[in-house]
Amino acid sequence: MASSNFDITRKFVRVMRTLPNGLIEFEFAVGDPDVAVELVMPKAAFEEFCAANHVEVLTAAKAAPVDADAADADFQWNLHQATHQRFR
């Protein structure tokens, strides 16, 4: 079995957007930033959540996989995109 870099002590947040009503849409991941859940929280709750989980905030550069090929591009989307744009 190949060794893995999966580390459950590392937690990641990637902010997707801030809504006009102040809610923060973000992705939260444990161990692997590419496997995340999408969450929405008010700003104060989001800041408390991040502090309690000692998250690493991912920037746009960290968010995009460096070696993603065209075949994987079809699977690079989030829930916001799925509800606001048409897919093939």
N, C-alpha and C. Protein backbone atom coordinates (compact mmCIF):
# COMPACT_ATOMS: atom_id res chain seq x y z
N MET A 1 0.84 -1.17 0.00
CA MET A 1 0.00 0.00 0.00
C MET A 1 0.88 1.24 0.00
N ALA A 2 0.59 2.20 -0.86
CA ALA A 2 1.37 3.43 -0.95
C ALA A 2 1.12 4.31 0.27
N SER A 3 2.15 5.03 0.69
CA SER A 3 1.99 5.93 1.82
C SER A 3 1.15 7.14 1.40
N SER A 4 0.45 7.69 2.36
CA SER A 4 -0.45 8.81 2.08
C SER A 4 -0.06 10.02 2.90
N ASN A 5 -0.36 11.20 2.36
CA ASN A 5 -0.11 12.44 3.09
C ASN A 5 -1.36 12.91 3.82
N PHE A 6 -2.37 12.06 3.93
CA PHE A 6 -3.62 12.40 4.60
C PHE A 6 -3.36 12.55 6.09
N ASP A 7 -3.63 13.74 6.62
CA ASP A 7 -3.36 14.05 8.02
C ASP A 7 -4.62 14.66 8.63
N ILE A 8 -5.31 13.90 9.48
CA ILE A 8 -6.58 14.39 10.03
C ILE A 8 -6.42 15.56 10.99
N THR A 9 -5.20 15.89 11.36
CA THR A 9 -5.00 17.04 12.23
C THR A 9 -4.99 18.36 11.44
N ARG A 10 -4.86 18.26 10.12
CA ARG A 10 -4.87 19.47 9.27
C ARG A 10 -6.29 19.73 8.79
N LYS A 11 -6.74 20.97 8.94
CA LYS A 11 -8.08 21.36 8.52
C LYS A 11 -7.96 22.60 7.63
N PHE A 12 -8.79 22.65 6.61
CA PHE A 12 -8.66 23.69 5.59
C PHE A 12 -9.99 24.40 5.36
N VAL A 13 -9.89 25.69 5.07
CA VAL A 13 -11.05 26.50 4.70
C VAL A 13 -10.70 27.25 3.42
N ARG A 14 -11.65 27.24 2.49
CA ARG A 14 -11.53 28.02 1.25
C ARG A 14 -12.80 28.85 1.14
N VAL A 15 -12.68 30.18 1.29
CA VAL A 15 -13.85 31.06 1.20
C VAL A 15 -14.25 31.17 -0.27
N MET A 16 -15.53 30.87 -0.53
CA MET A 16 -16.04 30.94 -1.89
C MET A 16 -16.56 32.35 -2.19
N ARG A 17 -17.37 32.90 -1.26
CA ARG A 17 -17.86 34.27 -1.43
C ARG A 17 -18.56 34.71 -0.16
N THR A 18 -18.74 36.02 -0.04
CA THR A 18 -19.51 36.62 1.02
C THR A 18 -20.80 37.15 0.41
N LEU A 19 -21.91 36.73 0.94
CA LEU A 19 -23.21 37.14 0.43
C LEU A 19 -23.56 38.55 0.91
N PRO A 20 -24.43 39.24 0.21
CA PRO A 20 -24.81 40.60 0.63
C PRO A 20 -25.38 40.67 2.05
N ASN A 21 -25.99 39.59 2.52
CA ASN A 21 -26.55 39.59 3.88
C ASN A 21 -25.50 39.24 4.94
N GLY A 22 -24.23 39.12 4.55
CA GLY A 22 -23.14 38.87 5.49
C GLY A 22 -22.78 37.42 5.71
N LEU A 23 -23.52 36.51 5.12
CA LEU A 23 -23.18 35.09 5.26
C LEU A 23 -21.93 34.76 4.44
N ILE A 24 -21.12 33.87 4.97
CA ILE A 24 -19.90 33.43 4.31
C ILE A 24 -20.13 32.03 3.73
N GLU A 25 -19.94 31.87 2.43
CA GLU A 25 -19.97 30.55 1.79
C GLU A 25 -18.53 30.06 1.74
N PHE A 26 -18.30 28.85 2.23
CA PHE A 26 -16.93 28.34 2.24
C PHE A 26 -16.91 26.83 2.15
N GLU A 27 -15.74 26.31 1.80
CA GLU A 27 -15.49 24.88 1.80
C GLU A 27 -14.63 24.55 3.01
N PHE A 28 -14.94 23.43 3.65
CA PHE A 28 -14.18 22.97 4.81
C PHE A 28 -13.72 21.55 4.53
N ALA A 29 -12.44 21.29 4.77
CA ALA A 29 -11.88 19.97 4.53
C ALA A 29 -11.00 19.54 5.70
N VAL A 30 -10.97 18.24 5.91
CA VAL A 30 -10.10 17.65 6.94
C VAL A 30 -9.16 16.68 6.25
N GLY A 31 -7.87 16.91 6.42
CA GLY A 31 -6.87 15.97 5.91
C GLY A 31 -6.46 16.17 4.46
N ASP A 32 -7.41 16.49 3.61
CA ASP A 32 -7.13 16.67 2.18
C ASP A 32 -7.99 17.82 1.66
N PRO A 33 -7.38 18.92 1.25
CA PRO A 33 -8.16 20.08 0.82
C PRO A 33 -8.99 19.86 -0.43
N ASP A 34 -8.74 18.77 -1.16
CA ASP A 34 -9.51 18.50 -2.37
C ASP A 34 -10.82 17.78 -2.10
N VAL A 35 -11.03 17.33 -0.87
CA VAL A 35 -12.28 16.66 -0.50
C VAL A 35 -12.93 17.51 0.60
N ALA A 36 -13.89 18.32 0.19
CA ALA A 36 -14.44 19.31 1.11
C ALA A 36 -15.96 19.30 1.10
N VAL A 37 -16.53 19.84 2.17
CA VAL A 37 -17.96 20.09 2.24
C VAL A 37 -18.17 21.59 2.13
N GLU A 38 -19.31 21.98 1.58
CA GLU A 38 -19.62 23.40 1.46
C GLU A 38 -20.53 23.79 2.61
N LEU A 39 -20.19 24.89 3.27
CA LEU A 39 -20.94 25.39 4.42
C LEU A 39 -21.25 26.87 4.25
N VAL A 40 -22.26 27.34 4.98
CA VAL A 40 -22.62 28.76 5.01
C VAL A 40 -22.84 29.14 6.46
N MET A 41 -22.19 30.24 6.89
CA MET A 41 -22.32 30.71 8.27
C MET A 41 -22.28 32.22 8.31
N PRO A 42 -22.89 32.81 9.35
CA PRO A 42 -22.69 34.25 9.57
C PRO A 42 -21.21 34.50 9.88
N LYS A 43 -20.75 35.72 9.63
CA LYS A 43 -19.33 36.03 9.78
C LYS A 43 -18.79 35.68 11.17
N ALA A 44 -19.51 36.05 12.22
CA ALA A 44 -19.03 35.79 13.59
C ALA A 44 -18.89 34.28 13.83
N ALA A 45 -19.87 33.51 13.39
CA ALA A 45 -19.81 32.05 13.55
C ALA A 45 -18.67 31.45 12.73
N PHE A 46 -18.47 31.99 11.52
CA PHE A 46 -17.38 31.52 10.66
C PHE A 46 -16.03 31.75 11.34
N GLU A 47 -15.83 32.95 11.88
CA GLU A 47 -14.56 33.25 12.55
C GLU A 47 -14.35 32.35 13.77
N GLU A 48 -15.41 32.09 14.53
CA GLU A 48 -15.32 31.20 15.68
C GLU A 48 -15.02 29.77 15.24
N PHE A 49 -15.67 29.33 14.17
CA PHE A 49 -15.45 27.99 13.61
C PHE A 49 -13.99 27.83 13.19
N CYS A 50 -13.45 28.82 12.50
CA CYS A 50 -12.05 28.76 12.03
C CYS A 50 -11.08 28.71 13.21
N ALA A 51 -11.34 29.53 14.23
CA ALA A 51 -10.46 29.55 15.39
C ALA A 51 -10.53 28.23 16.15
N ALA A 52 -11.73 27.70 16.33
CA ALA A 52 -11.90 26.45 17.08
C ALA A 52 -11.25 25.26 16.37
N ASN A 53 -11.23 25.30 15.03
CA ASN A 53 -10.68 24.19 14.25
C ASN A 53 -9.23 24.41 13.81
N HIS A 54 -8.65 25.57 14.14
CA HIS A 54 -7.27 25.87 13.77
C HIS A 54 -7.04 25.60 12.29
N VAL A 55 -7.86 26.22 11.44
CA VAL A 55 -7.84 25.93 10.01
C VAL A 55 -6.68 26.62 9.30
N GLU A 56 -6.32 26.06 8.18
CA GLU A 56 -5.41 26.70 7.23
C GLU A 56 -6.30 27.29 6.15
N VAL A 57 -6.20 28.60 5.94
CA VAL A 57 -7.01 29.25 4.92
C VAL A 57 -6.30 29.08 3.58
N LEU A 58 -7.03 28.52 2.63
CA LEU A 58 -6.48 28.29 1.30
C LEU A 58 -6.73 29.51 0.42
N THR A 59 -5.70 29.90 -0.31
CA THR A 59 -5.83 30.99 -1.26
C THR A 59 -6.20 30.42 -2.62
N ALA A 60 -6.48 31.29 -3.58
CA ALA A 60 -6.82 30.82 -4.93
C ALA A 60 -5.70 29.98 -5.52
N ALA A 61 -4.45 30.34 -5.26
CA ALA A 61 -3.31 29.59 -5.80
C ALA A 61 -3.28 28.18 -5.22
N LYS A 62 -3.58 28.04 -3.92
CA LYS A 62 -3.60 26.72 -3.30
C LYS A 62 -4.85 25.94 -3.70
N ALA A 63 -5.90 26.64 -4.06
CA ALA A 63 -7.17 25.99 -4.38
C ALA A 63 -7.12 25.23 -5.69
N ALA A 64 -6.40 25.73 -6.67
CA ALA A 64 -6.38 25.10 -7.99
C ALA A 64 -5.33 24.00 -8.03
N PRO A 65 -5.72 22.78 -8.40
CA PRO A 65 -4.73 21.72 -8.51
C PRO A 65 -3.75 22.01 -9.65
N VAL A 66 -2.47 21.84 -9.36
CA VAL A 66 -1.43 22.16 -10.34
C VAL A 66 -1.43 21.19 -11.50
N ASP A 67 -1.66 19.91 -11.24
CA ASP A 67 -1.53 18.91 -12.28
C ASP A 67 -2.87 18.37 -12.78
N ALA A 68 -3.94 19.16 -12.63
CA ALA A 68 -5.25 18.70 -13.11
C ALA A 68 -5.23 18.64 -14.63
N ASP A 69 -5.71 17.51 -15.17
CA ASP A 69 -5.77 17.39 -16.63
C ASP A 69 -7.19 17.63 -17.11
N ALA A 70 -7.38 17.63 -18.42
CA ALA A 70 -8.68 17.95 -19.01
C ALA A 70 -9.76 16.97 -18.57
N ALA A 71 -9.42 15.71 -18.39
CA ALA A 71 -10.41 14.72 -17.98
C ALA A 71 -10.97 15.03 -16.59
N ASP A 72 -10.13 15.53 -15.70
CA ASP A 72 -10.56 15.87 -14.35
C ASP A 72 -11.32 17.19 -14.30
N ALA A 73 -11.18 18.02 -15.32
CA ALA A 73 -11.81 19.35 -15.32
C ALA A 73 -13.32 19.25 -15.23
N ASP A 74 -13.92 18.19 -15.77
CA ASP A 74 -15.36 18.02 -15.70
C ASP A 74 -15.85 17.85 -14.26
N PHE A 75 -14.98 17.45 -13.36
CA PHE A 75 -15.36 17.21 -11.99
C PHE A 75 -14.96 18.35 -11.06
N GLN A 76 -14.43 19.43 -11.59
CA GLN A 76 -14.01 20.58 -10.79
C GLN A 76 -15.14 21.60 -10.73
N TRP A 77 -16.07 21.44 -9.79
CA TRP A 77 -17.17 22.37 -9.63
C TRP A 77 -17.61 22.35 -8.18
N ASN A 78 -18.43 23.33 -7.80
CA ASN A 78 -18.97 23.35 -6.45
C ASN A 78 -20.48 23.53 -6.51
N LEU A 79 -21.13 23.48 -5.38
CA LEU A 79 -22.58 23.53 -5.32
C LEU A 79 -23.11 24.86 -5.87
N HIS A 80 -22.44 25.96 -5.58
CA HIS A 80 -22.86 27.25 -6.09
C HIS A 80 -22.89 27.25 -7.62
N GLN A 81 -21.85 26.72 -8.23
CA GLN A 81 -21.81 26.64 -9.69
C GLN A 81 -22.92 25.74 -10.21
N ALA A 82 -23.19 24.65 -9.53
CA ALA A 82 -24.21 23.71 -9.98
C ALA A 82 -25.60 24.32 -9.95
N THR A 83 -25.84 25.27 -9.07
CA THR A 83 -27.16 25.89 -8.98
C THR A 83 -27.29 27.14 -9.82
N HIS A 84 -26.18 27.64 -10.39
CA HIS A 84 -26.23 28.90 -11.14
C HIS A 84 -25.76 28.80 -12.59
N GLN A 85 -25.33 27.65 -13.04
CA GLN A 85 -24.92 27.51 -14.43
C GLN A 85 -25.30 26.14 -14.95
N ARG A 86 -25.43 26.04 -16.22
CA ARG A 86 -25.82 24.78 -16.84
C ARG A 86 -24.56 23.97 -17.16
N PHE A 87 -24.60 22.68 -16.84
CA PHE A 87 -23.51 21.78 -17.15
C PHE A 87 -23.85 20.97 -18.38
N ARG A 88 -22.83 20.41 -19.00
CA ARG A 88 -23.05 19.57 -20.18
C ARG A 88 -23.88 18.38 -19.87
